[in-house]
């Protein structure tokens, strides 16, 4: 087993062209990743509908998540988190275009 250390806010690209996904740790049942967004959002008709549960937290920046069936997106800032059950359709409505939004995402069965 390799012991790894790092900093979630280290080497954050300030203007990524695409969302950046970095796997930090993984096992058979859990995957932890850092996501960096800046002005990125899901297409209006593109929903995430995953087999795994997901817990996400905004570490820096700002974002809005919307869940299928809801009319108002949920605003997330530093320290805010959301638990997303398996098969719960959702999408990223908005991320701050003026600064990097850093997410910590934990996917699990």
N, C-alpha and C. Protein backbone atom coordinates (compact mmCIF):
# COMPACT_ATOMS: atom_id res chain seq x y z
N UNK A 1 0.84 -1.18 0.00
CA UNK A 1 0.00 0.00 0.00
C UNK A 1 0.88 1.24 0.00
N UNK A 2 0.57 2.18 -0.86
CA UNK A 2 1.31 3.43 -0.94
C UNK A 2 0.59 4.46 -0.08
N UNK A 3 1.32 5.09 0.83
CA UNK A 3 0.74 6.15 1.65
C UNK A 3 0.92 7.46 0.91
N UNK A 4 -0.17 8.15 0.66
CA UNK A 4 -0.11 9.38 -0.11
C UNK A 4 -0.62 10.56 0.73
N UNK A 5 0.01 11.69 0.55
CA UNK A 5 -0.45 12.92 1.16
C UNK A 5 -0.54 13.97 0.08
N UNK A 6 -1.27 15.02 0.35
CA UNK A 6 -1.41 16.07 -0.63
C UNK A 6 -2.25 17.19 -0.07
N UNK A 7 -2.63 18.11 -0.92
CA UNK A 7 -3.44 19.24 -0.54
C UNK A 7 -4.51 19.43 -1.60
N UNK A 8 -5.77 19.43 -1.21
CA UNK A 8 -6.87 19.58 -2.18
C UNK A 8 -6.78 20.88 -2.95
N UNK A 9 -6.19 21.90 -2.34
CA UNK A 9 -6.11 23.20 -3.00
C UNK A 9 -4.76 23.44 -3.67
N UNK A 10 -3.90 22.41 -3.65
CA UNK A 10 -2.61 22.52 -4.31
C UNK A 10 -2.74 22.26 -5.81
N UNK A 11 -2.00 22.99 -6.59
CA UNK A 11 -1.97 22.81 -8.05
C UNK A 11 -3.35 22.87 -8.69
N UNK A 12 -4.18 23.79 -8.22
CA UNK A 12 -5.51 23.95 -8.81
C UNK A 12 -5.38 24.79 -10.07
N UNK A 13 -5.76 24.23 -11.22
CA UNK A 13 -5.72 25.03 -12.44
C UNK A 13 -6.75 26.16 -12.35
N UNK A 14 -6.35 27.36 -12.64
CA UNK A 14 -7.25 28.50 -12.48
C UNK A 14 -8.22 28.69 -13.64
N UNK A 15 -7.86 28.21 -14.82
CA UNK A 15 -8.76 28.35 -15.98
C UNK A 15 -8.78 27.05 -16.78
N UNK A 16 -9.29 25.96 -16.17
CA UNK A 16 -9.32 24.70 -16.93
C UNK A 16 -10.34 24.78 -18.07
N UNK A 17 -9.95 24.29 -19.25
CA UNK A 17 -10.88 24.28 -20.37
C UNK A 17 -12.01 23.28 -20.14
N UNK A 18 -11.67 22.18 -19.52
CA UNK A 18 -12.63 21.12 -19.19
C UNK A 18 -12.59 20.93 -17.69
N UNK A 19 -13.68 20.38 -17.15
CA UNK A 19 -13.63 20.01 -15.74
C UNK A 19 -12.49 19.02 -15.54
N UNK A 20 -11.82 19.13 -14.41
CA UNK A 20 -10.67 18.27 -14.13
C UNK A 20 -11.04 17.31 -13.00
N UNK A 21 -10.88 16.01 -13.24
CA UNK A 21 -11.18 14.97 -12.27
C UNK A 21 -9.87 14.28 -11.89
N UNK A 22 -9.56 14.26 -10.59
CA UNK A 22 -8.35 13.62 -10.10
C UNK A 22 -8.72 12.61 -9.03
N UNK A 23 -8.44 11.34 -9.28
CA UNK A 23 -8.72 10.31 -8.29
C UNK A 23 -7.67 10.40 -7.19
N UNK A 24 -8.14 10.51 -5.95
CA UNK A 24 -7.24 10.63 -4.81
C UNK A 24 -7.03 9.30 -4.10
N UNK A 25 -8.07 8.47 -4.06
CA UNK A 25 -7.98 7.16 -3.42
C UNK A 25 -9.15 6.32 -3.93
N UNK A 26 -8.94 4.99 -3.93
CA UNK A 26 -10.01 4.11 -4.39
C UNK A 26 -9.83 2.72 -3.79
N UNK A 27 -10.95 2.08 -3.60
CA UNK A 27 -10.97 0.68 -3.19
C UNK A 27 -12.12 0.02 -3.95
N UNK A 28 -12.41 -1.20 -3.60
CA UNK A 28 -13.49 -1.92 -4.28
C UNK A 28 -14.84 -1.22 -4.12
N UNK A 29 -15.05 -0.54 -3.00
CA UNK A 29 -16.37 0.03 -2.70
C UNK A 29 -16.41 1.55 -2.61
N UNK A 30 -15.25 2.20 -2.62
CA UNK A 30 -15.19 3.65 -2.43
C UNK A 30 -14.20 4.26 -3.42
N UNK A 31 -14.58 5.42 -3.96
CA UNK A 31 -13.67 6.19 -4.82
C UNK A 31 -13.77 7.65 -4.38
N UNK A 32 -12.62 8.27 -4.12
CA UNK A 32 -12.57 9.66 -3.69
C UNK A 32 -11.85 10.45 -4.76
N UNK A 33 -12.45 11.58 -5.16
CA UNK A 33 -11.82 12.38 -6.20
C UNK A 33 -11.96 13.87 -5.92
N UNK A 34 -11.03 14.61 -6.50
CA UNK A 34 -11.12 16.07 -6.51
C UNK A 34 -11.61 16.46 -7.90
N UNK A 35 -12.57 17.37 -7.92
CA UNK A 35 -13.08 17.90 -9.19
C UNK A 35 -12.84 19.40 -9.18
N UNK A 36 -12.32 19.92 -10.27
CA UNK A 36 -12.12 21.36 -10.40
C UNK A 36 -12.97 21.85 -11.57
N UNK A 37 -13.81 22.84 -11.29
CA UNK A 37 -14.70 23.43 -12.29
C UNK A 37 -14.47 24.94 -12.29
N UNK A 38 -14.70 25.55 -13.42
CA UNK A 38 -14.71 27.03 -13.48
C UNK A 38 -15.65 27.43 -14.61
N UNK A 39 -16.87 27.76 -14.24
CA UNK A 39 -17.87 28.11 -15.23
C UNK A 39 -18.45 26.91 -15.95
N UNK A 40 -18.13 25.71 -15.49
CA UNK A 40 -18.66 24.50 -16.13
C UNK A 40 -20.04 24.18 -15.56
N UNK A 41 -20.87 23.59 -16.38
CA UNK A 41 -22.21 23.16 -15.97
C UNK A 41 -22.64 22.02 -16.87
N UNK A 42 -23.59 21.24 -16.38
CA UNK A 42 -24.17 20.17 -17.19
C UNK A 42 -25.08 20.80 -18.23
N UNK A 43 -25.20 20.16 -19.38
CA UNK A 43 -26.17 20.62 -20.38
C UNK A 43 -27.57 20.51 -19.79
N UNK A 44 -28.48 21.35 -20.24
CA UNK A 44 -29.83 21.41 -19.68
C UNK A 44 -30.55 20.07 -19.72
N UNK A 45 -30.24 19.23 -20.68
CA UNK A 45 -30.93 17.94 -20.79
C UNK A 45 -30.02 16.76 -20.42
N UNK A 46 -28.90 17.05 -19.78
CA UNK A 46 -27.93 16.02 -19.41
C UNK A 46 -27.93 15.81 -17.91
N UNK A 47 -28.45 14.68 -17.46
CA UNK A 47 -28.57 14.37 -16.04
C UNK A 47 -27.59 13.28 -15.66
N UNK A 48 -26.95 13.42 -14.49
CA UNK A 48 -26.20 12.31 -13.91
C UNK A 48 -27.23 11.37 -13.30
N UNK A 49 -27.06 10.09 -13.51
CA UNK A 49 -27.97 9.06 -12.99
C UNK A 49 -27.11 7.84 -12.68
N UNK A 50 -26.46 7.87 -11.53
CA UNK A 50 -25.39 6.91 -11.24
C UNK A 50 -25.85 5.75 -10.36
N UNK A 51 -25.19 4.62 -10.53
CA UNK A 51 -25.47 3.43 -9.72
C UNK A 51 -24.97 3.56 -8.29
N UNK A 52 -23.98 4.41 -8.09
CA UNK A 52 -23.36 4.57 -6.78
C UNK A 52 -23.94 5.79 -6.07
N UNK A 53 -23.87 5.77 -4.74
CA UNK A 53 -24.18 6.97 -3.96
C UNK A 53 -22.99 7.91 -4.09
N UNK A 54 -23.24 9.19 -3.89
CA UNK A 54 -22.17 10.18 -3.97
C UNK A 54 -22.39 11.22 -2.88
N UNK A 55 -21.30 11.59 -2.24
CA UNK A 55 -21.28 12.67 -1.28
C UNK A 55 -20.31 13.69 -1.83
N UNK A 56 -20.77 14.93 -2.01
CA UNK A 56 -19.90 15.97 -2.56
C UNK A 56 -19.86 17.17 -1.62
N UNK A 57 -18.70 17.82 -1.58
CA UNK A 57 -18.54 19.04 -0.79
C UNK A 57 -17.78 20.06 -1.63
N UNK A 58 -18.22 21.30 -1.56
CA UNK A 58 -17.48 22.38 -2.19
C UNK A 58 -16.41 22.83 -1.19
N UNK A 59 -15.16 22.73 -1.59
CA UNK A 59 -14.04 23.12 -0.74
C UNK A 59 -13.72 24.60 -0.97
N UNK A 60 -13.81 25.03 -2.22
CA UNK A 60 -13.55 26.43 -2.58
C UNK A 60 -14.43 26.77 -3.77
N UNK A 61 -14.80 28.03 -3.90
CA UNK A 61 -15.63 28.47 -5.01
C UNK A 61 -17.10 28.37 -4.69
N UNK A 62 -17.91 28.22 -5.73
CA UNK A 62 -19.36 28.18 -5.57
C UNK A 62 -19.98 27.39 -6.71
N UNK A 63 -21.11 26.75 -6.42
CA UNK A 63 -21.80 25.94 -7.42
C UNK A 63 -23.29 25.89 -7.09
N UNK A 64 -24.06 25.43 -8.07
CA UNK A 64 -25.48 25.15 -7.84
C UNK A 64 -25.79 23.78 -8.43
N UNK A 65 -26.40 22.93 -7.61
CA UNK A 65 -26.87 21.60 -8.03
C UNK A 65 -28.38 21.63 -8.12
N UNK A 66 -28.92 20.91 -9.10
CA UNK A 66 -30.37 20.76 -9.19
C UNK A 66 -30.69 19.28 -9.33
N UNK A 67 -31.74 18.87 -8.64
CA UNK A 67 -32.19 17.48 -8.66
C UNK A 67 -33.46 17.38 -9.48
N UNK A 68 -33.60 16.29 -10.20
CA UNK A 68 -34.79 16.06 -11.02
C UNK A 68 -36.03 16.19 -10.14
N UNK A 69 -36.99 16.97 -10.60
CA UNK A 69 -38.22 17.19 -9.85
C UNK A 69 -38.21 18.46 -9.03
N UNK A 70 -37.06 19.07 -8.85
CA UNK A 70 -36.96 20.33 -8.11
C UNK A 70 -36.91 21.49 -9.10
N UNK A 71 -37.46 22.61 -8.72
CA UNK A 71 -37.46 23.78 -9.59
C UNK A 71 -36.36 24.76 -9.25
N UNK A 72 -35.87 24.72 -8.02
CA UNK A 72 -34.87 25.68 -7.57
C UNK A 72 -33.57 24.93 -7.28
N UNK A 73 -32.46 25.36 -7.90
CA UNK A 73 -31.18 24.72 -7.63
C UNK A 73 -30.72 25.00 -6.20
N UNK A 74 -29.89 24.11 -5.69
CA UNK A 74 -29.31 24.27 -4.35
C UNK A 74 -27.96 24.93 -4.47
N UNK A 75 -27.80 26.07 -3.81
CA UNK A 75 -26.54 26.82 -3.84
C UNK A 75 -25.56 26.20 -2.84
N UNK A 76 -24.33 25.99 -3.29
CA UNK A 76 -23.28 25.43 -2.45
C UNK A 76 -22.07 26.35 -2.46
N UNK A 77 -21.54 26.62 -1.27
CA UNK A 77 -20.32 27.39 -1.12
C UNK A 77 -19.33 26.59 -0.29
N UNK A 78 -18.19 27.17 0.05
CA UNK A 78 -17.17 26.44 0.81
C UNK A 78 -17.74 25.81 2.09
N UNK A 79 -17.53 24.51 2.21
CA UNK A 79 -18.00 23.77 3.37
C UNK A 79 -19.37 23.13 3.19
N UNK A 80 -20.13 23.55 2.18
CA UNK A 80 -21.45 22.97 1.94
C UNK A 80 -21.30 21.62 1.24
N UNK A 81 -22.18 20.69 1.60
CA UNK A 81 -22.12 19.36 1.01
C UNK A 81 -23.51 18.87 0.67
N UNK A 82 -23.54 17.82 -0.15
CA UNK A 82 -24.80 17.17 -0.54
C UNK A 82 -24.57 15.67 -0.64
N UNK A 83 -25.53 14.92 -0.14
CA UNK A 83 -25.54 13.47 -0.31
C UNK A 83 -26.50 13.18 -1.46
N UNK A 84 -26.04 12.40 -2.42
CA UNK A 84 -26.84 12.07 -3.60
C UNK A 84 -27.03 10.55 -3.62
N UNK A 85 -28.24 10.07 -3.35
CA UNK A 85 -28.48 8.62 -3.35
C UNK A 85 -28.30 8.03 -4.74
N UNK A 86 -28.06 6.72 -4.82
CA UNK A 86 -27.97 6.08 -6.13
C UNK A 86 -29.24 6.33 -6.93
N UNK A 87 -29.08 6.53 -8.24
CA UNK A 87 -30.17 6.71 -9.20
C UNK A 87 -30.93 8.02 -9.04
N UNK A 88 -30.46 8.93 -8.18
CA UNK A 88 -31.10 10.25 -8.04
C UNK A 88 -30.54 11.16 -9.13
N UNK A 89 -31.40 11.45 -10.10
CA UNK A 89 -30.97 12.28 -11.23
C UNK A 89 -30.66 13.70 -10.76
N UNK A 90 -29.49 14.20 -11.19
CA UNK A 90 -29.06 15.53 -10.80
C UNK A 90 -28.11 16.08 -11.86
N UNK A 91 -27.89 17.36 -11.79
CA UNK A 91 -26.91 17.97 -12.68
C UNK A 91 -26.33 19.22 -12.03
N UNK A 92 -25.19 19.63 -12.52
CA UNK A 92 -24.56 20.86 -12.06
C UNK A 92 -25.17 21.98 -12.89
N UNK A 93 -25.90 22.84 -12.23
CA UNK A 93 -26.58 23.95 -12.89
C UNK A 93 -25.61 25.08 -13.23
N UNK A 94 -24.60 25.29 -12.35
CA UNK A 94 -23.71 26.44 -12.49
C UNK A 94 -22.50 26.27 -11.60
N UNK A 95 -21.34 26.71 -12.06
CA UNK A 95 -20.17 26.90 -11.20
C UNK A 95 -19.62 28.29 -11.49
N UNK A 96 -19.01 28.87 -10.49
CA UNK A 96 -18.51 30.24 -10.57
C UNK A 96 -17.55 30.40 -11.75
N UNK A 97 -17.85 31.32 -12.66
CA UNK A 97 -16.94 31.51 -13.80
C UNK A 97 -15.72 32.36 -13.47
N UNK A 98 -15.71 32.99 -12.28
CA UNK A 98 -14.64 33.91 -11.93
C UNK A 98 -13.56 33.31 -11.05
N UNK A 99 -13.80 32.09 -10.55
CA UNK A 99 -12.81 31.42 -9.72
C UNK A 99 -12.99 29.91 -9.84
N UNK A 100 -11.96 29.19 -9.52
CA UNK A 100 -12.05 27.73 -9.57
C UNK A 100 -12.95 27.24 -8.43
N UNK A 101 -13.83 26.30 -8.75
CA UNK A 101 -14.63 25.61 -7.75
C UNK A 101 -13.99 24.24 -7.55
N UNK A 102 -13.58 23.97 -6.32
CA UNK A 102 -12.93 22.71 -5.99
C UNK A 102 -13.93 21.87 -5.20
N UNK A 103 -14.21 20.68 -5.70
CA UNK A 103 -15.12 19.74 -5.07
C UNK A 103 -14.34 18.57 -4.50
N UNK A 104 -14.82 18.01 -3.40
CA UNK A 104 -14.37 16.72 -2.90
C UNK A 104 -15.55 15.79 -3.08
N UNK A 105 -15.37 14.72 -3.86
CA UNK A 105 -16.45 13.79 -4.16
C UNK A 105 -16.08 12.40 -3.66
N UNK A 106 -17.02 11.78 -2.95
CA UNK A 106 -16.84 10.42 -2.46
C UNK A 106 -17.95 9.58 -3.07
N UNK A 107 -17.58 8.60 -3.88
CA UNK A 107 -18.52 7.68 -4.52
C UNK A 107 -18.45 6.35 -3.78
N UNK A 108 -19.60 5.79 -3.44
CA UNK A 108 -19.57 4.52 -2.68
C UNK A 108 -20.81 3.69 -2.95
N UNK A 109 -20.66 2.38 -2.68
CA UNK A 109 -21.75 1.43 -2.85
C UNK A 109 -22.42 1.17 -1.53
